[in-house]
């Protein structure tokens, strides 16, 4: 039996899901533009930095050194960290960097480029699905 509270609760979940999907789409568009316009290079992982979170857990973030097409040496720390190091020191990795601002660089991998938008899209779909199910019950 449909109740007013079910419709309201379902609508709230659906709206949250829709907002998450919009956020995912905007991030995806931004990341896609970066990937399309970026220059590519091969970088070398020089270390993995362990960063502890407030909750006591932490993640390893690879630090990568690369050379731009103009020959300028750059170093950056990836925005994507994991519970254990994904790369060994000295490992070669493909990277993308902004031509006008080489400090804006990313490892050219799925999670580094598209991970956040993918996670937001999954949560958006879950919230929308739950919202629709609640609305119909």
N, C-alpha and C. Protein backbone atom coordinates (compact mmCIF):
# COMPACT_ATOMS: atom_id res chain seq x y z
N UNK A 1 0.84 -1.18 0.00
CA UNK A 1 0.00 0.00 0.00
C UNK A 1 0.89 1.25 0.00
N UNK A 2 0.61 2.13 -0.95
CA UNK A 2 1.39 3.36 -1.03
C UNK A 2 0.93 4.34 0.04
N UNK A 3 1.88 4.83 0.78
CA UNK A 3 1.56 5.85 1.78
C UNK A 3 2.29 7.13 1.40
N UNK A 4 1.82 8.22 2.00
CA UNK A 4 2.44 9.52 1.73
C UNK A 4 3.90 9.52 2.16
N UNK A 5 4.19 8.88 3.31
CA UNK A 5 5.58 8.85 3.78
C UNK A 5 6.47 8.03 2.85
N UNK A 6 5.92 6.96 2.25
CA UNK A 6 6.70 6.18 1.28
C UNK A 6 7.02 7.02 0.05
N UNK A 7 6.03 7.77 -0.42
CA UNK A 7 6.26 8.62 -1.60
C UNK A 7 7.31 9.69 -1.29
N UNK A 8 7.20 10.30 -0.11
CA UNK A 8 8.15 11.35 0.27
C UNK A 8 9.55 10.76 0.44
N UNK A 9 9.65 9.66 1.19
CA UNK A 9 10.94 9.00 1.40
C UNK A 9 11.56 8.55 0.09
N UNK A 10 10.73 7.94 -0.75
CA UNK A 10 11.21 7.49 -2.05
C UNK A 10 11.68 8.65 -2.91
N UNK A 11 10.93 9.74 -2.86
CA UNK A 11 11.31 10.93 -3.64
C UNK A 11 12.64 11.49 -3.16
N UNK A 12 12.84 11.51 -1.84
CA UNK A 12 14.11 12.03 -1.30
C UNK A 12 15.28 11.17 -1.79
N UNK A 13 15.14 9.84 -1.69
CA UNK A 13 16.20 8.95 -2.17
C UNK A 13 16.44 9.15 -3.67
N UNK A 14 15.36 9.27 -4.43
CA UNK A 14 15.49 9.44 -5.87
C UNK A 14 16.20 10.75 -6.21
N UNK A 15 15.85 11.82 -5.51
CA UNK A 15 16.48 13.12 -5.75
C UNK A 15 17.97 13.07 -5.40
N UNK A 16 18.29 12.45 -4.26
CA UNK A 16 19.71 12.31 -3.88
C UNK A 16 20.45 11.52 -4.96
N UNK A 17 19.84 10.43 -5.42
CA UNK A 17 20.46 9.63 -6.48
C UNK A 17 20.66 10.43 -7.75
N UNK A 18 19.67 11.23 -8.10
CA UNK A 18 19.77 12.06 -9.30
C UNK A 18 20.89 13.09 -9.15
N UNK A 19 21.00 13.70 -7.97
CA UNK A 19 22.09 14.66 -7.72
C UNK A 19 23.46 13.99 -7.81
N UNK A 20 23.56 12.77 -7.27
CA UNK A 20 24.82 12.02 -7.37
C UNK A 20 25.15 11.72 -8.84
N UNK A 21 24.14 11.36 -9.61
CA UNK A 21 24.36 11.07 -11.03
C UNK A 21 24.79 12.33 -11.79
N UNK A 22 24.19 13.47 -11.45
CA UNK A 22 24.59 14.73 -12.09
C UNK A 22 26.04 15.05 -11.73
N UNK A 23 26.39 14.88 -10.46
CA UNK A 23 27.77 15.11 -10.03
C UNK A 23 28.74 14.18 -10.75
N UNK A 24 28.34 12.91 -10.90
CA UNK A 24 29.19 11.95 -11.60
C UNK A 24 29.38 12.37 -13.05
N UNK A 25 28.31 12.82 -13.69
CA UNK A 25 28.39 13.24 -15.09
C UNK A 25 29.31 14.46 -15.24
N UNK A 26 29.18 15.42 -14.32
CA UNK A 26 30.02 16.61 -14.39
C UNK A 26 31.50 16.26 -14.19
N UNK A 27 31.78 15.38 -13.23
CA UNK A 27 33.16 14.94 -13.02
C UNK A 27 33.68 14.18 -14.24
N UNK A 28 32.84 13.32 -14.79
CA UNK A 28 33.22 12.55 -15.97
C UNK A 28 33.57 13.49 -17.13
N UNK A 29 32.73 14.50 -17.35
CA UNK A 29 32.99 15.45 -18.43
C UNK A 29 34.32 16.18 -18.21
N UNK A 30 34.57 16.59 -16.98
CA UNK A 30 35.82 17.28 -16.64
C UNK A 30 37.03 16.37 -16.86
N UNK A 31 36.91 15.12 -16.39
CA UNK A 31 38.01 14.16 -16.55
C UNK A 31 38.23 13.80 -18.01
N UNK A 32 37.14 13.70 -18.76
CA UNK A 32 37.25 13.38 -20.18
C UNK A 32 37.96 14.52 -20.93
N UNK A 33 37.62 15.76 -20.58
CA UNK A 33 38.27 16.92 -21.19
C UNK A 33 39.77 16.92 -20.87
N UNK A 34 40.09 16.63 -19.60
CA UNK A 34 41.50 16.56 -19.20
C UNK A 34 42.23 15.50 -20.02
N UNK A 35 41.65 14.30 -20.11
CA UNK A 35 42.31 13.19 -20.82
C UNK A 35 42.48 13.51 -22.31
N UNK A 36 41.51 14.19 -22.89
CA UNK A 36 41.56 14.52 -24.31
C UNK A 36 42.63 15.57 -24.61
N UNK A 37 42.75 16.57 -23.73
CA UNK A 37 43.66 17.69 -23.98
C UNK A 37 45.05 17.51 -23.40
N UNK A 38 45.22 16.52 -22.53
CA UNK A 38 46.49 16.34 -21.82
C UNK A 38 47.58 15.77 -22.72
N UNK A 39 48.80 16.10 -22.36
CA UNK A 39 49.96 15.49 -23.00
C UNK A 39 50.27 14.19 -22.25
N UNK A 40 50.86 13.25 -22.93
CA UNK A 40 51.19 11.98 -22.27
C UNK A 40 52.70 11.84 -22.15
N UNK A 41 53.09 11.10 -21.15
CA UNK A 41 54.50 10.82 -20.90
C UNK A 41 54.59 9.53 -20.10
N UNK A 42 55.79 9.07 -19.91
CA UNK A 42 56.03 7.93 -19.03
C UNK A 42 56.71 8.47 -17.79
N UNK A 43 56.16 8.11 -16.65
CA UNK A 43 56.74 8.54 -15.38
C UNK A 43 57.35 7.37 -14.64
N UNK A 44 58.11 7.69 -13.62
CA UNK A 44 58.73 6.68 -12.77
C UNK A 44 58.27 6.90 -11.34
N UNK A 45 57.77 5.84 -10.72
CA UNK A 45 57.36 5.93 -9.31
C UNK A 45 58.64 6.03 -8.48
N UNK A 46 58.75 7.12 -7.71
CA UNK A 46 59.96 7.32 -6.91
C UNK A 46 59.74 6.95 -5.45
N UNK A 47 58.49 6.94 -5.01
CA UNK A 47 58.17 6.48 -3.65
C UNK A 47 56.66 6.34 -3.51
N UNK A 48 56.25 5.70 -2.43
CA UNK A 48 54.84 5.63 -2.06
C UNK A 48 54.73 6.25 -0.68
N UNK A 49 53.98 7.33 -0.59
CA UNK A 49 53.83 8.07 0.66
C UNK A 49 52.61 7.55 1.41
N UNK A 50 52.83 7.18 2.68
CA UNK A 50 51.72 6.71 3.52
C UNK A 50 51.10 7.91 4.21
N UNK A 51 49.81 8.10 4.01
CA UNK A 51 49.08 9.20 4.64
C UNK A 51 48.02 8.60 5.54
N UNK A 52 48.10 8.94 6.82
CA UNK A 52 47.16 8.41 7.80
C UNK A 52 45.93 9.31 7.86
N UNK A 53 44.75 8.70 7.90
CA UNK A 53 43.52 9.47 7.98
C UNK A 53 43.18 9.76 9.44
N UNK A 54 42.17 10.58 9.65
CA UNK A 54 41.73 10.91 11.01
C UNK A 54 41.23 9.69 11.76
N UNK A 55 40.71 8.73 11.02
CA UNK A 55 40.15 7.52 11.65
C UNK A 55 41.21 6.49 11.98
N UNK A 56 42.47 6.79 11.72
CA UNK A 56 43.55 5.87 12.06
C UNK A 56 44.00 5.00 10.92
N UNK A 57 43.16 4.84 9.90
CA UNK A 57 43.58 4.08 8.73
C UNK A 57 44.33 5.02 7.80
N UNK A 58 45.01 4.44 6.86
CA UNK A 58 45.76 5.27 5.93
C UNK A 58 45.83 4.64 4.56
N UNK A 59 46.50 5.34 3.66
CA UNK A 59 46.63 4.86 2.29
C UNK A 59 48.00 5.27 1.75
N UNK A 60 48.47 4.49 0.80
CA UNK A 60 49.73 4.77 0.12
C UNK A 60 49.43 5.51 -1.20
N UNK A 61 50.09 6.63 -1.38
CA UNK A 61 49.93 7.44 -2.58
C UNK A 61 51.25 7.43 -3.36
N UNK A 62 51.22 6.99 -4.62
CA UNK A 62 52.47 6.98 -5.39
C UNK A 62 52.93 8.39 -5.74
N UNK A 63 54.23 8.61 -5.63
CA UNK A 63 54.86 9.86 -6.06
C UNK A 63 55.59 9.54 -7.36
N UNK A 64 55.28 10.30 -8.40
CA UNK A 64 55.77 10.00 -9.74
C UNK A 64 56.60 11.17 -10.27
N UNK A 65 57.70 10.83 -10.89
CA UNK A 65 58.56 11.82 -11.54
C UNK A 65 58.46 11.59 -13.05
N UNK A 66 58.36 12.69 -13.80
CA UNK A 66 58.31 12.57 -15.26
C UNK A 66 58.96 13.80 -15.89
N UNK A 67 59.14 13.72 -17.19
CA UNK A 67 59.74 14.82 -17.93
C UNK A 67 58.74 15.28 -18.98
N UNK A 68 58.49 16.61 -19.04
CA UNK A 68 57.56 17.15 -20.03
C UNK A 68 58.19 17.09 -21.42
N UNK A 69 57.38 17.37 -22.42
CA UNK A 69 57.87 17.39 -23.80
C UNK A 69 58.96 18.46 -23.98
N UNK A 70 58.91 19.49 -23.14
CA UNK A 70 59.91 20.57 -23.19
C UNK A 70 61.16 20.22 -22.39
N UNK A 71 61.18 19.07 -21.74
CA UNK A 71 62.35 18.63 -20.98
C UNK A 71 62.36 19.03 -19.52
N UNK A 72 61.26 19.62 -19.03
CA UNK A 72 61.19 20.04 -17.63
C UNK A 72 60.85 18.84 -16.75
N UNK A 73 61.63 18.64 -15.68
CA UNK A 73 61.38 17.55 -14.73
C UNK A 73 60.29 17.96 -13.76
N UNK A 74 59.32 17.08 -13.58
CA UNK A 74 58.19 17.34 -12.69
C UNK A 74 58.00 16.15 -11.76
N UNK A 75 57.48 16.42 -10.58
CA UNK A 75 57.14 15.37 -9.62
C UNK A 75 55.75 15.68 -9.08
N UNK A 76 54.91 14.65 -8.96
CA UNK A 76 53.59 14.84 -8.38
C UNK A 76 53.21 13.63 -7.54
N UNK A 77 52.32 13.85 -6.60
CA UNK A 77 51.76 12.76 -5.81
C UNK A 77 50.35 12.50 -6.33
N UNK A 78 50.06 11.25 -6.60
CA UNK A 78 48.74 10.87 -7.10
C UNK A 78 47.67 11.22 -6.07
N UNK A 79 46.49 11.57 -6.57
CA UNK A 79 45.34 11.83 -5.69
C UNK A 79 44.68 10.54 -5.23
N UNK A 80 45.05 9.43 -5.84
CA UNK A 80 44.42 8.15 -5.54
C UNK A 80 45.36 7.28 -4.72
N UNK A 81 44.91 6.96 -3.51
CA UNK A 81 45.71 6.11 -2.62
C UNK A 81 45.00 4.81 -2.32
N UNK A 82 45.77 3.82 -1.90
CA UNK A 82 45.20 2.51 -1.57
C UNK A 82 45.80 2.01 -0.27
N UNK A 83 45.20 0.99 0.28
CA UNK A 83 45.65 0.42 1.55
C UNK A 83 47.04 -0.18 1.50
N UNK A 84 47.46 -0.59 0.33
CA UNK A 84 48.83 -1.07 0.16
C UNK A 84 49.36 -0.47 -1.14
N UNK A 85 50.66 -0.32 -1.25
CA UNK A 85 51.21 0.32 -2.45
C UNK A 85 50.87 -0.47 -3.72
N UNK A 86 50.39 0.23 -4.74
CA UNK A 86 50.08 -0.39 -6.02
C UNK A 86 51.30 -0.49 -6.93
N UNK A 87 52.27 0.36 -6.67
CA UNK A 87 53.44 0.44 -7.55
C UNK A 87 54.72 0.29 -6.74
N UNK A 88 55.72 -0.28 -7.37
CA UNK A 88 57.03 -0.40 -6.73
C UNK A 88 57.89 0.79 -7.15
N UNK A 89 58.81 1.17 -6.27
CA UNK A 89 59.75 2.23 -6.63
C UNK A 89 60.51 1.83 -7.88
N UNK A 90 60.62 2.76 -8.81
CA UNK A 90 61.30 2.49 -10.07
C UNK A 90 60.37 2.01 -11.17
N UNK A 91 59.13 1.68 -10.82
CA UNK A 91 58.17 1.19 -11.82
C UNK A 91 57.78 2.32 -12.77
N UNK A 92 57.72 1.99 -14.05
CA UNK A 92 57.31 2.95 -15.08
C UNK A 92 55.79 2.95 -15.19
N UNK A 93 55.19 4.15 -15.25
CA UNK A 93 53.74 4.27 -15.36
C UNK A 93 53.39 5.31 -16.42
N UNK A 94 52.31 5.07 -17.17
CA UNK A 94 51.87 6.09 -18.13
C UNK A 94 51.20 7.23 -17.37
N UNK A 95 51.48 8.44 -17.78
CA UNK A 95 50.85 9.59 -17.11
C UNK A 95 50.30 10.56 -18.15
N UNK A 96 49.37 11.38 -17.68
CA UNK A 96 48.83 12.48 -18.47
C UNK A 96 49.06 13.76 -17.68
N UNK A 97 49.40 14.82 -18.37
CA UNK A 97 49.59 16.10 -17.67
C UNK A 97 49.06 17.24 -18.52
N UNK A 98 48.63 18.29 -17.83
CA UNK A 98 48.12 19.48 -18.49
C UNK A 98 49.30 20.23 -19.13
N UNK A 99 49.19 20.52 -20.42
CA UNK A 99 50.30 21.14 -21.15
C UNK A 99 50.68 22.51 -20.56
N UNK A 100 49.69 23.33 -20.22
CA UNK A 100 49.96 24.67 -19.69
C UNK A 100 50.36 24.63 -18.22
N UNK A 101 50.01 23.55 -17.53
CA UNK A 101 50.30 23.43 -16.10
C UNK A 101 50.72 21.99 -15.80
N UNK A 102 51.97 21.62 -16.10
CA UNK A 102 52.41 20.23 -15.94
C UNK A 102 52.32 19.70 -14.51
N UNK A 103 52.18 20.61 -13.53
CA UNK A 103 52.02 20.16 -12.14
C UNK A 103 50.68 19.44 -11.97
N UNK A 104 49.74 19.70 -12.87
CA UNK A 104 48.45 19.00 -12.85
C UNK A 104 48.61 17.73 -13.68
N UNK A 105 49.03 16.67 -13.02
CA UNK A 105 49.31 15.40 -13.70
C UNK A 105 48.61 14.26 -12.97
N UNK A 106 48.32 13.20 -13.72
CA UNK A 106 47.67 12.01 -13.16
C UNK A 106 48.27 10.77 -13.80
N UNK A 107 48.28 9.70 -13.04
CA UNK A 107 48.62 8.40 -13.63
C UNK A 107 47.47 8.04 -14.56
N UNK A 108 47.78 7.57 -15.75
CA UNK A 108 46.76 7.26 -16.75
C UNK A 108 46.17 5.88 -16.51
N UNK A 109 45.44 5.75 -15.41
CA UNK A 109 44.77 4.50 -15.07
C UNK A 109 43.30 4.76 -14.80
N UNK A 110 42.49 3.72 -14.83
CA UNK A 110 41.04 3.87 -14.67
C UNK A 110 40.68 4.59 -13.38
N UNK A 111 41.18 4.10 -12.24
CA UNK A 111 40.79 4.68 -10.95
C UNK A 111 41.31 6.10 -10.79
N UNK A 112 42.49 6.37 -11.32
CA UNK A 112 43.05 7.71 -11.20
C UNK A 112 42.28 8.72 -12.04
N UNK A 113 41.80 8.29 -13.21
CA UNK A 113 41.09 9.20 -14.10
C UNK A 113 39.58 9.21 -13.88
N UNK A 114 38.99 8.04 -13.74
CA UNK A 114 37.53 7.95 -13.74
C UNK A 114 36.94 7.41 -12.45
N UNK A 115 37.76 7.06 -11.48
CA UNK A 115 37.29 6.37 -10.28
C UNK A 115 36.21 7.11 -9.51
N UNK A 116 36.41 8.39 -9.24
CA UNK A 116 35.44 9.13 -8.44
C UNK A 116 34.10 9.24 -9.17
N UNK A 117 34.14 9.53 -10.46
CA UNK A 117 32.88 9.63 -11.19
C UNK A 117 32.19 8.27 -11.27
N UNK A 118 32.94 7.19 -11.37
CA UNK A 118 32.34 5.85 -11.40
C UNK A 118 31.68 5.51 -10.06
N UNK A 119 32.35 5.83 -8.96
CA UNK A 119 31.79 5.55 -7.64
C UNK A 119 30.53 6.38 -7.41
N UNK A 120 30.57 7.66 -7.77
CA UNK A 120 29.37 8.50 -7.61
C UNK A 120 28.22 7.96 -8.46
N UNK A 121 28.50 7.52 -9.67
CA UNK A 121 27.45 6.98 -10.54
C UNK A 121 26.83 5.73 -9.93
N UNK A 122 27.65 4.85 -9.38
CA UNK A 122 27.13 3.63 -8.75
C UNK A 122 26.23 3.97 -7.57
N UNK A 123 26.69 4.88 -6.70
CA UNK A 123 25.86 5.28 -5.56
C UNK A 123 24.59 5.99 -6.03
N UNK A 124 24.71 6.79 -7.08
CA UNK A 124 23.53 7.45 -7.63
C UNK A 124 22.50 6.45 -8.11
N UNK A 125 22.95 5.41 -8.82
CA UNK A 125 22.03 4.37 -9.29
C UNK A 125 21.39 3.62 -8.12
N UNK A 126 22.19 3.34 -7.10
CA UNK A 126 21.65 2.64 -5.92
C UNK A 126 20.58 3.49 -5.25
N UNK A 127 20.88 4.77 -5.00
CA UNK A 127 19.91 5.65 -4.35
C UNK A 127 18.65 5.79 -5.20
N UNK A 128 18.80 5.94 -6.50
CA UNK A 128 17.63 6.06 -7.37
C UNK A 128 16.80 4.78 -7.35
N UNK A 129 17.47 3.63 -7.40
CA UNK A 129 16.76 2.36 -7.36
C UNK A 129 16.01 2.17 -6.06
N UNK A 130 16.67 2.48 -4.93
CA UNK A 130 16.01 2.36 -3.63
C UNK A 130 14.84 3.33 -3.56
N UNK A 131 15.04 4.55 -4.04
CA UNK A 131 13.97 5.55 -4.02
C UNK A 131 12.76 5.11 -4.82
N UNK A 132 12.99 4.56 -6.00
CA UNK A 132 11.87 4.09 -6.82
C UNK A 132 11.17 2.90 -6.17
N UNK A 133 11.94 2.02 -5.57
CA UNK A 133 11.34 0.85 -4.90
C UNK A 133 10.49 1.30 -3.71
N UNK A 134 11.01 2.24 -2.91
CA UNK A 134 10.24 2.74 -1.76
C UNK A 134 8.97 3.43 -2.24
N UNK A 135 9.07 4.23 -3.29
CA UNK A 135 7.91 4.97 -3.81
C UNK A 135 6.81 4.03 -4.28
N UNK A 136 7.20 2.89 -4.81
CA UNK A 136 6.22 1.95 -5.37
C UNK A 136 5.67 0.97 -4.34
N UNK A 137 6.25 0.96 -3.14
CA UNK A 137 5.76 0.00 -2.14
C UNK A 137 4.69 0.61 -1.26
